[in-house]
PDB file of all heavy atoms in Angstrom:
ATOM      1  N   ALA A   1      70.626  38.558 -34.832  1.00  0.00           N
ATOM      2  CA  ALA A   1      69.551  38.554 -33.875  1.00  0.00           C
ATOM      3  C   ALA A   1      69.677  37.451 -32.853  1.00  0.00           C
ATOM      4  O   ALA A   1      70.159  36.408 -33.189  1.00  0.00           O
ATOM      5  CB  ALA A   1      68.249  38.373 -34.624  1.00  0.00           C
ATOM      6  N   LEU A   2      69.228  37.705 -31.556  1.00  0.00           N
ATOM      7  CA  LEU A   2      69.208  36.630 -30.537  1.00  0.00           C
ATOM      8  C   LEU A   2      67.840  36.535 -29.915  1.00  0.00           C
ATOM      9  O   LEU A   2      67.403  37.409 -29.227  1.00  0.00           O
ATOM     10  CB  LEU A   2      70.269  36.867 -29.465  1.00  0.00           C
ATOM     11  CG  LEU A   2      70.367  35.824 -28.377  1.00  0.00           C
ATOM     12  CD1 LEU A   2      70.711  34.461 -28.863  1.00  0.00           C
ATOM     13  CD2 LEU A   2      71.299  36.228 -27.320  1.00  0.00           C
ATOM     14  N   ALA A   3      67.173  35.491 -30.170  1.00  0.00           N
ATOM     15  CA  ALA A   3      65.870  35.286 -29.549  1.00  0.00           C
ATOM     16  C   ALA A   3      65.886  33.955 -28.847  1.00  0.00           C
ATOM     17  O   ALA A   3      66.573  33.061 -29.268  1.00  0.00           O
ATOM     18  CB  ALA A   3      64.776  35.284 -30.601  1.00  0.00           C
ATOM     19  N   LEU A   4      65.130  33.835 -27.790  1.00  0.00           N
ATOM     20  CA  LEU A   4      65.193  32.626 -26.985  1.00  0.00           C
ATOM     21  C   LEU A   4      63.817  31.986 -26.988  1.00  0.00           C
ATOM     22  O   LEU A   4      62.864  32.580 -26.552  1.00  0.00           O
ATOM     23  CB  LEU A   4      65.628  33.005 -25.583  1.00  0.00           C
ATOM     24  CG  LEU A   4      65.509  32.004 -24.466  1.00  0.00           C
ATOM     25  CD1 LEU A   4      66.350  30.796 -24.730  1.00  0.00           C
ATOM     26  CD2 LEU A   4      65.912  32.626 -23.166  1.00  0.00           C
ATOM     27  N   ALA A   5      63.704  30.778 -27.507  1.00  0.00           N
ATOM     28  CA  ALA A   5      62.398  30.155 -27.580  1.00  0.00           C
ATOM     29  C   ALA A   5      62.444  28.768 -26.994  1.00  0.00           C
ATOM     30  O   ALA A   5      63.375  28.042 -27.211  1.00  0.00           O
ATOM     31  CB  ALA A   5      61.929  30.091 -29.025  1.00  0.00           C
ATOM     32  N   LEU A   6      61.430  28.419 -26.247  1.00  0.00           N
ATOM     33  CA  LEU A   6      61.362  27.148 -25.563  1.00  0.00           C
ATOM     34  C   LEU A   6      60.179  26.367 -26.116  1.00  0.00           C
ATOM     35  O   LEU A   6      59.056  26.818 -26.016  1.00  0.00           O
ATOM     36  CB  LEU A   6      61.102  27.438 -24.103  1.00  0.00           C
ATOM     37  CG  LEU A   6      61.947  26.744 -23.087  1.00  0.00           C
ATOM     38  CD1 LEU A   6      62.929  27.721 -22.503  1.00  0.00           C
ATOM     39  CD2 LEU A   6      61.057  26.274 -21.986  1.00  0.00           C
ATOM     40  N   VAL A   7      60.441  25.225 -26.690  1.00  0.00           N
ATOM     41  CA  VAL A   7      59.365  24.426 -27.242  1.00  0.00           C
ATOM     42  C   VAL A   7      59.664  22.988 -26.911  1.00  0.00           C
ATOM     43  O   VAL A   7      60.815  22.592 -26.953  1.00  0.00           O
ATOM     44  CB  VAL A   7      59.268  24.577 -28.770  1.00  0.00           C
ATOM     45  CG1 VAL A   7      58.119  23.793 -29.316  1.00  0.00           C
ATOM     46  CG2 VAL A   7      59.184  26.029 -29.157  1.00  0.00           C
ATOM     47  N   PHE A   8      58.675  22.202 -26.587  1.00  0.00           N
ATOM     48  CA  PHE A   8      59.027  20.833 -26.323  1.00  0.00           C
ATOM     49  C   PHE A   8      57.879  19.880 -26.582  1.00  0.00           C
ATOM     50  O   PHE A   8      56.729  20.222 -26.465  1.00  0.00           O
ATOM     51  CB  PHE A   8      59.555  20.661 -24.899  1.00  0.00           C
ATOM     52  CG  PHE A   8      58.765  21.285 -23.827  1.00  0.00           C
ATOM     53  CD1 PHE A   8      58.388  20.559 -22.725  1.00  0.00           C
ATOM     54  CD2 PHE A   8      58.415  22.614 -23.880  1.00  0.00           C
ATOM     55  CE1 PHE A   8      57.686  21.134 -21.712  1.00  0.00           C
ATOM     56  CE2 PHE A   8      57.716  23.189 -22.871  1.00  0.00           C
ATOM     57  CZ  PHE A   8      57.342  22.440 -21.775  1.00  0.00           C
ATOM     58  N   SER A   9      58.252  18.653 -26.977  1.00  0.00           N
ATOM     59  CA  SER A   9      57.268  17.624 -27.233  1.00  0.00           C
ATOM     60  C   SER A   9      57.938  16.278 -27.109  1.00  0.00           C
ATOM     61  O   SER A   9      59.137  16.160 -27.239  1.00  0.00           O
ATOM     62  CB  SER A   9      56.662  17.788 -28.634  1.00  0.00           C
ATOM     63  OG  SER A   9      57.669  17.635 -29.603  1.00  0.00           O
ATOM     64  N   SER A  10      57.137  15.255 -26.818  1.00  0.00           N
ATOM     65  CA  SER A  10      57.674  13.907 -26.703  1.00  0.00           C
ATOM     66  C   SER A  10      56.654  12.929 -27.243  1.00  0.00           C
ATOM     67  O   SER A  10      55.529  12.884 -26.762  1.00  0.00           O
ATOM     68  CB  SER A  10      57.979  13.575 -25.241  1.00  0.00           C
ATOM     69  OG  SER A  10      58.287  12.208 -25.127  1.00  0.00           O
ATOM     70  N   PRO A  11      57.016  12.141 -28.246  1.00  0.00           N
ATOM     71  CA  PRO A  11      56.052  11.198 -28.804  1.00  0.00           C
ATOM     72  C   PRO A  11      55.862   9.972 -27.927  1.00  0.00           C
ATOM     73  O   PRO A  11      54.926   9.221 -28.112  1.00  0.00           O
ATOM     74  CB  PRO A  11      56.675  10.826 -30.148  1.00  0.00           C
ATOM     75  CG  PRO A  11      58.149  11.009 -29.941  1.00  0.00           C
ATOM     76  CD  PRO A  11      58.285  12.165 -28.980  1.00  0.00           C
ATOM     77  N   LEU A  12      56.767   9.748 -26.943  1.00  0.00           N
ATOM     78  CA  LEU A  12      56.736   8.518 -26.168  1.00  0.00           C
ATOM     79  C   LEU A  12      56.147   8.698 -24.783  1.00  0.00           C
ATOM     80  O   LEU A  12      55.847   7.728 -24.112  1.00  0.00           O
ATOM     81  CB  LEU A  12      58.163   7.948 -26.056  1.00  0.00           C
ATOM     82  CG  LEU A  12      58.843   7.635 -27.397  1.00  0.00           C
ATOM     83  CD1 LEU A  12      60.257   7.140 -27.153  1.00  0.00           C
ATOM     84  CD2 LEU A  12      58.034   6.618 -28.183  1.00  0.00           C
ATOM     85  N   ALA A  13      56.065   9.951 -24.300  1.00  0.00           N
ATOM     86  CA  ALA A  13      55.570  10.170 -22.953  1.00  0.00           C
ATOM     87  C   ALA A  13      54.694  11.408 -22.942  1.00  0.00           C
ATOM     88  O   ALA A  13      54.852  12.309 -23.760  1.00  0.00           O
ATOM     89  CB  ALA A  13      56.751  10.353 -21.992  1.00  0.00           C
ATOM     90  N   LEU A  14      53.753  11.433 -22.003  1.00  0.00           N
ATOM     91  CA  LEU A  14      52.969  12.635 -21.820  1.00  0.00           C
ATOM     92  C   LEU A  14      53.908  13.761 -21.431  1.00  0.00           C
ATOM     93  O   LEU A  14      54.821  13.573 -20.638  1.00  0.00           O
ATOM     94  CB  LEU A  14      51.906  12.404 -20.751  1.00  0.00           C
ATOM     95  CG  LEU A  14      50.831  11.373 -21.107  1.00  0.00           C
ATOM     96  CD1 LEU A  14      49.933  11.121 -19.909  1.00  0.00           C
ATOM     97  CD2 LEU A  14      50.014  11.828 -22.300  1.00  0.00           C
ATOM     98  N   ALA A  15      53.680  14.954 -21.969  1.00  0.00           N
ATOM     99  CA  ALA A  15      54.666  16.014 -21.790  1.00  0.00           C
ATOM    100  C   ALA A  15      54.003  17.316 -21.381  1.00  0.00           C
ATOM    101  O   ALA A  15      52.953  17.692 -21.897  1.00  0.00           O
ATOM    102  CB  ALA A  15      55.458  16.212 -23.076  1.00  0.00           C
ATOM    103  N   PHE A  16      54.619  17.979 -20.441  1.00  0.00           N
ATOM    104  CA  PHE A  16      54.266  19.328 -20.022  1.00  0.00           C
ATOM    105  C   PHE A  16      54.924  20.273 -21.020  1.00  0.00           C
ATOM    106  O   PHE A  16      56.138  20.289 -21.158  1.00  0.00           O
ATOM    107  CB  PHE A  16      54.804  19.530 -18.603  1.00  0.00           C
ATOM    108  CG  PHE A  16      54.495  20.854 -17.989  1.00  0.00           C
ATOM    109  CD1 PHE A  16      53.342  21.039 -17.249  1.00  0.00           C
ATOM    110  CD2 PHE A  16      55.394  21.900 -18.102  1.00  0.00           C
ATOM    111  CE1 PHE A  16      53.079  22.251 -16.642  1.00  0.00           C
ATOM    112  CE2 PHE A  16      55.139  23.123 -17.511  1.00  0.00           C
ATOM    113  CZ  PHE A  16      53.974  23.300 -16.771  1.00  0.00           C
ATOM    114  N   VAL A  17      54.136  21.044 -21.759  1.00  0.00           N
ATOM    115  CA  VAL A  17      54.648  21.778 -22.916  1.00  0.00           C
ATOM    116  C   VAL A  17      54.503  23.280 -22.695  1.00  0.00           C
ATOM    117  O   VAL A  17      53.422  23.758 -22.362  1.00  0.00           O
ATOM    118  CB  VAL A  17      53.903  21.370 -24.204  1.00  0.00           C
ATOM    119  CG1 VAL A  17      54.399  22.165 -25.390  1.00  0.00           C
ATOM    120  CG2 VAL A  17      54.049  19.875 -24.439  1.00  0.00           C
ATOM    121  N   GLU A  18      55.600  24.002 -22.879  1.00  0.00           N
ATOM    122  CA  GLU A  18      55.596  25.460 -22.844  1.00  0.00           C
ATOM    123  C   GLU A  18      56.482  25.993 -23.963  1.00  0.00           C
ATOM    124  O   GLU A  18      57.310  25.270 -24.505  1.00  0.00           O
ATOM    125  CB  GLU A  18      56.136  25.991 -21.509  1.00  0.00           C
ATOM    126  CG  GLU A  18      55.330  25.609 -20.288  1.00  0.00           C
ATOM    127  CD  GLU A  18      54.017  26.353 -20.173  1.00  0.00           C
ATOM    128  OE1 GLU A  18      53.692  27.159 -21.088  1.00  0.00           O
ATOM    129  OE2 GLU A  18      53.308  26.130 -19.197  1.00  0.00           O
ATOM    130  N   GLU A  19      56.335  27.253 -24.289  1.00  0.00           N
ATOM    131  CA  GLU A  19      57.231  27.946 -25.199  1.00  0.00           C
ATOM    132  C   GLU A  19      57.714  29.214 -24.507  1.00  0.00           C
ATOM    133  O   GLU A  19      56.914  29.959 -23.949  1.00  0.00           O
ATOM    134  CB  GLU A  19      56.529  28.318 -26.509  1.00  0.00           C
ATOM    135  CG  GLU A  19      56.109  27.121 -27.333  1.00  0.00           C
ATOM    136  CD  GLU A  19      55.523  27.522 -28.673  1.00  0.00           C
ATOM    137  OE1 GLU A  19      55.488  28.740 -28.941  1.00  0.00           O
ATOM    138  OE2 GLU A  19      55.124  26.619 -29.413  1.00  0.00           O
ATOM    139  N   VAL A  20      59.019  29.431 -24.548  1.00  0.00           N
ATOM    140  CA  VAL A  20      59.617  30.613 -23.933  1.00  0.00           C
ATOM    141  C   VAL A  20      60.474  31.315 -24.977  1.00  0.00           C
ATOM    142  O   VAL A  20      61.244  30.668 -25.677  1.00  0.00           O
ATOM    143  CB  VAL A  20      60.471  30.232 -22.713  1.00  0.00           C
ATOM    144  CG1 VAL A  20      61.133  31.453 -22.108  1.00  0.00           C
ATOM    145  CG2 VAL A  20      59.627  29.513 -21.670  1.00  0.00           C
ATOM    146  N   THR A  21      60.325  32.615 -25.108  1.00  0.00           N
ATOM    147  CA  THR A  21      61.128  33.362 -26.074  1.00  0.00           C
ATOM    148  C   THR A  21      61.807  34.539 -25.393  1.00  0.00           C
ATOM    149  O   THR A  21      61.276  35.127 -24.451  1.00  0.00           O
ATOM    150  CB  THR A  21      60.266  33.888 -27.238  1.00  0.00           C
ATOM    151  OG1 THR A  21      59.281  34.762 -26.729  1.00  0.00           O
ATOM    152  CG2 THR A  21      59.608  32.731 -27.977  1.00  0.00           C
ATOM    153  N   ALA A  22      63.003  34.866 -25.864  1.00  0.00           N
ATOM    154  CA  ALA A  22      63.708  36.063 -25.423  1.00  0.00           C
ATOM    155  C   ALA A  22      64.553  36.564 -26.571  1.00  0.00           C
ATOM    156  O   ALA A  22      64.865  35.819 -27.495  1.00  0.00           O
ATOM    157  CB  ALA A  22      64.579  35.766 -24.202  1.00  0.00           C
ATOM    158  N   VAL A  23      64.906  37.835 -26.534  1.00  0.00           N
ATOM    159  CA  VAL A  23      65.659  38.416 -27.641  1.00  0.00           C
ATOM    160  C   VAL A  23      66.696  39.389 -27.105  1.00  0.00           C
ATOM    161  O   VAL A  23      66.447  40.094 -26.123  1.00  0.00           O
ATOM    162  CB  VAL A  23      64.714  39.137 -28.636  1.00  0.00           C
ATOM    163  CG1 VAL A  23      63.984  40.288 -27.988  1.00  0.00           C
ATOM    164  CG2 VAL A  23      65.461  39.585 -29.884  1.00  0.00           C
ATOM    165  N   PHE A  24      67.858  39.393 -27.733  1.00  0.00           N
ATOM    166  CA  PHE A  24      68.823  40.471 -27.502  1.00  0.00           C
ATOM    167  C   PHE A  24      68.845  41.355 -28.729  1.00  0.00           C
ATOM    168  O   PHE A  24      69.076  40.892 -29.848  1.00  0.00           O
ATOM    169  CB  PHE A  24      70.235  39.945 -27.252  1.00  0.00           C
ATOM    170  CG  PHE A  24      71.259  41.054 -27.281  1.00  0.00           C
ATOM    171  CD1 PHE A  24      71.346  41.955 -26.237  1.00  0.00           C
ATOM    172  CD2 PHE A  24      72.092  41.225 -28.373  1.00  0.00           C
ATOM    173  CE1 PHE A  24      72.244  43.000 -26.270  1.00  0.00           C
ATOM    174  CE2 PHE A  24      73.007  42.263 -28.417  1.00  0.00           C
ATOM    175  CZ  PHE A  24      73.080  43.158 -27.360  1.00  0.00           C
ATOM    176  N   ARG A  25      68.591  42.619 -28.494  1.00  0.00           N
ATOM    177  CA  ARG A  25      68.648  43.611 -29.553  1.00  0.00           C
ATOM    178  C   ARG A  25      69.288  44.855 -28.944  1.00  0.00           C
ATOM    179  O   ARG A  25      68.781  45.389 -27.955  1.00  0.00           O
ATOM    180  CB  ARG A  25      67.254  43.923 -30.059  1.00  0.00           C
ATOM    181  CG  ARG A  25      67.182  44.872 -31.225  1.00  0.00           C
ATOM    182  CD  ARG A  25      65.732  45.105 -31.654  1.00  0.00           C
ATOM    183  NE  ARG A  25      65.105  43.891 -32.164  1.00  0.00           N
ATOM    184  CZ  ARG A  25      64.078  43.295 -31.588  1.00  0.00           C
ATOM    185  NH1 ARG A  25      63.566  43.777 -30.463  1.00  0.00           N
ATOM    186  NH2 ARG A  25      63.556  42.203 -32.114  1.00  0.00           N
ATOM    187  N   PRO A  26      70.416  45.337 -29.472  1.00  0.00           N
ATOM    188  CA  PRO A  26      71.068  46.494 -28.861  1.00  0.00           C
ATOM    189  C   PRO A  26      70.143  47.699 -28.824  1.00  0.00           C
ATOM    190  O   PRO A  26      69.401  47.967 -29.783  1.00  0.00           O
ATOM    191  CB  PRO A  26      72.291  46.741 -29.744  1.00  0.00           C
ATOM    192  CG  PRO A  26      72.010  46.026 -31.022  1.00  0.00           C
ATOM    193  CD  PRO A  26      71.141  44.867 -30.675  1.00  0.00           C
ATOM    194  N   ASP A  27      70.169  48.407 -27.711  1.00  0.00           N
ATOM    195  CA  ASP A  27      69.281  49.538 -27.488  1.00  0.00           C
ATOM    196  C   ASP A  27      70.109  50.822 -27.466  1.00  0.00           C
ATOM    197  O   ASP A  27      70.835  51.074 -26.501  1.00  0.00           O
ATOM    198  CB  ASP A  27      68.538  49.359 -26.170  1.00  0.00           C
ATOM    199  CG  ASP A  27      67.554  50.483 -25.886  1.00  0.00           C
ATOM    200  OD1 ASP A  27      67.440  51.394 -26.729  1.00  0.00           O
ATOM    201  OD2 ASP A  27      66.912  50.455 -24.820  1.00  0.00           O
ATOM    202  N   PRO A  28      70.017  51.651 -28.500  1.00  0.00           N
ATOM    203  CA  PRO A  28      70.809  52.884 -28.510  1.00  0.00           C
ATOM    204  C   PRO A  28      70.522  53.798 -27.323  1.00  0.00           C
ATOM    205  O   PRO A  28      71.394  54.552 -26.902  1.00  0.00           O
ATOM    206  CB  PRO A  28      70.409  53.550 -29.832  1.00  0.00           C
ATOM    207  CG  PRO A  28      69.911  52.435 -30.693  1.00  0.00           C
ATOM    208  CD  PRO A  28      69.252  51.476 -29.746  1.00  0.00           C
ATOM    209  N   SER A  29      69.312  53.720 -26.767  1.00  0.00           N
ATOM    210  CA  SER A  29      68.976  54.575 -25.630  1.00  0.00           C
ATOM    211  C   SER A  29      69.544  54.043 -24.320  1.00  0.00           C
ATOM    212  O   SER A  29      69.573  54.763 -23.317  1.00  0.00           O
ATOM    213  CB  SER A  29      67.453  54.716 -25.507  1.00  0.00           C
ATOM    214  OG  SER A  29      66.858  53.460 -25.182  1.00  0.00           O
ATOM    215  N   ASN A  30      69.976  52.796 -24.319  1.00  0.00           N
ATOM    216  CA  ASN A  30      70.540  52.204 -23.104  1.00  0.00           C
ATOM    217  C   ASN A  30      71.667  51.252 -23.494  1.00  0.00           C
ATOM    218  O   ASN A  30      71.558  50.038 -23.354  1.00  0.00           O
ATOM    219  CB  ASN A  30      69.444  51.456 -22.334  1.00  0.00           C
ATOM    220  CG  ASN A  30      69.915  50.991 -20.970  1.00  0.00           C
ATOM    221  OD1 ASN A  30      70.954  51.431 -20.467  1.00  0.00           O
ATOM    222  ND2 ASN A  30      69.168  50.093 -20.357  1.00  0.00           N
ATOM    223  N   PRO A  31      72.779  51.787 -23.994  1.00  0.00           N
ATOM    224  CA  PRO A  31      73.843  50.930 -24.535  1.00  0.00           C
ATOM    225  C   PRO A  31      74.536  50.062 -23.495  1.00  0.00           C
ATOM    226  O   PRO A  31      75.190  49.095 -23.841  1.00  0.00           O
ATOM    227  CB  PRO A  31      74.827  51.940 -25.151  1.00  0.00           C
ATOM    228  CG  PRO A  31      74.551  53.230 -24.458  1.00  0.00           C
ATOM    229  CD  PRO A  31      73.080  53.219 -24.148  1.00  0.00           C
ATOM    230  N   MET A  32      74.394  50.387 -22.199  1.00  0.00           N
ATOM    231  CA  MET A  32      75.042  49.582 -21.164  1.00  0.00           C
ATOM    232  C   MET A  32      74.235  48.334 -20.831  1.00  0.00           C
ATOM    233  O   MET A  32      74.703  47.465 -20.092  1.00  0.00           O
ATOM    234  CB  MET A  32      75.241  50.417 -19.902  1.00  0.00           C
ATOM    235  CG  MET A  32      76.172  51.597 -20.086  1.00  0.00           C
ATOM    236  SD  MET A  32      77.828  51.104 -20.610  1.00  0.00           S
ATOM    237  CE  MET A  32      78.377  50.261 -19.121  1.00  0.00           C
ATOM    238  N   SER A  33      73.013  48.221 -21.338  1.00  0.00           N
ATOM    239  CA  SER A  33      72.171  47.062 -21.048  1.00  0.00           C
ATOM    240  C   SER A  33      72.419  45.984 -22.099  1.00  0.00           C
ATOM    241  O   SER A  33      71.878  46.041 -23.209  1.00  0.00           O
ATOM    242  CB  SER A  33      70.693  47.456 -21.039  1.00  0.00           C
ATOM    243  OG  SER A  33      69.870  46.333 -20.794  1.00  0.00           O
ATOM    244  N   ASN A  34      73.250  45.018 -21.750  1.00  0.00           N
ATOM    245  CA  ASN A  34      73.607  43.948 -22.692  1.00  0.00           C
ATOM    246  C   ASN A  34      72.967  42.646 -22.225  1.00  0.00           C
ATOM    247  O   ASN A  34      73.642  41.694 -21.866  1.00  0.00           O
ATOM    248  CB  ASN A  34      75.123  43.824 -22.778  1.00  0.00           C
ATOM    249  CG  ASN A  34      75.770  45.117 -23.230  1.00  0.00           C
ATOM    250  OD1 ASN A  34      75.297  45.742 -24.176  1.00  0.00           O
ATOM    251  ND2 ASN A  34      76.814  45.542 -22.550  1.00  0.00           N
ATOM    252  N   LYS A  35      71.644  42.616 -22.212  1.00  0.00           N
ATOM    253  CA  LYS A  35      70.915  41.468 -21.694  1.00  0.00           C
ATOM    254  C   LYS A  35      69.823  41.071 -22.674  1.00  0.00           C
ATOM    255  O   LYS A  35      69.355  41.869 -23.481  1.00  0.00           O
ATOM    256  CB  LYS A  35      70.287  41.796 -20.333  1.00  0.00           C
ATOM    257  CG  LYS A  35      71.292  42.123 -19.243  1.00  0.00           C
ATOM    258  CD  LYS A  35      70.592  42.462 -17.943  1.00  0.00           C
ATOM    259  CE  LYS A  35      71.579  42.781 -16.844  1.00  0.00           C
ATOM    260  NZ  LYS A  35      70.896  43.142 -15.573  1.00  0.00           N
ATOM    261  N   PHE A  36      69.386  39.828 -22.525  1.00  0.00           N
ATOM    262  CA  PHE A  36      68.247  39.366 -23.291  1.00  0.00           C
ATOM    263  C   PHE A  36      66.958  39.929 -22.707  1.00  0.00           C
ATOM    264  O   PHE A  36      66.841  40.096 -21.496  1.00  0.00           O
ATOM    265  CB  PHE A  36      68.159  37.847 -23.272  1.00  0.00           C
ATOM    266  CG  PHE A  36      69.254  37.179 -24.032  1.00  0.00           C
ATOM    267  CD1 PHE A  36      70.327  36.611 -23.369  1.00  0.00           C
ATOM    268  CD2 PHE A  36      69.218  37.116 -25.405  1.00  0.00           C
ATOM    269  CE1 PHE A  36      71.347  35.992 -24.061  1.00  0.00           C
ATOM    270  CE2 PHE A  36      70.228  36.505 -26.112  1.00  0.00           C
ATOM    271  CZ  PHE A  36      71.293  35.938 -25.441  1.00  0.00           C
TER     272      PHE A  36
END
């Protein structure tokens, strides 16, 4: 499995925090699409 997740934190500085996720999973209905 390929998933993309964005998480961030900093104990020393104020931080702008987001989470980003993405996944690659082969699609039998669209085998030419090899993207996250």
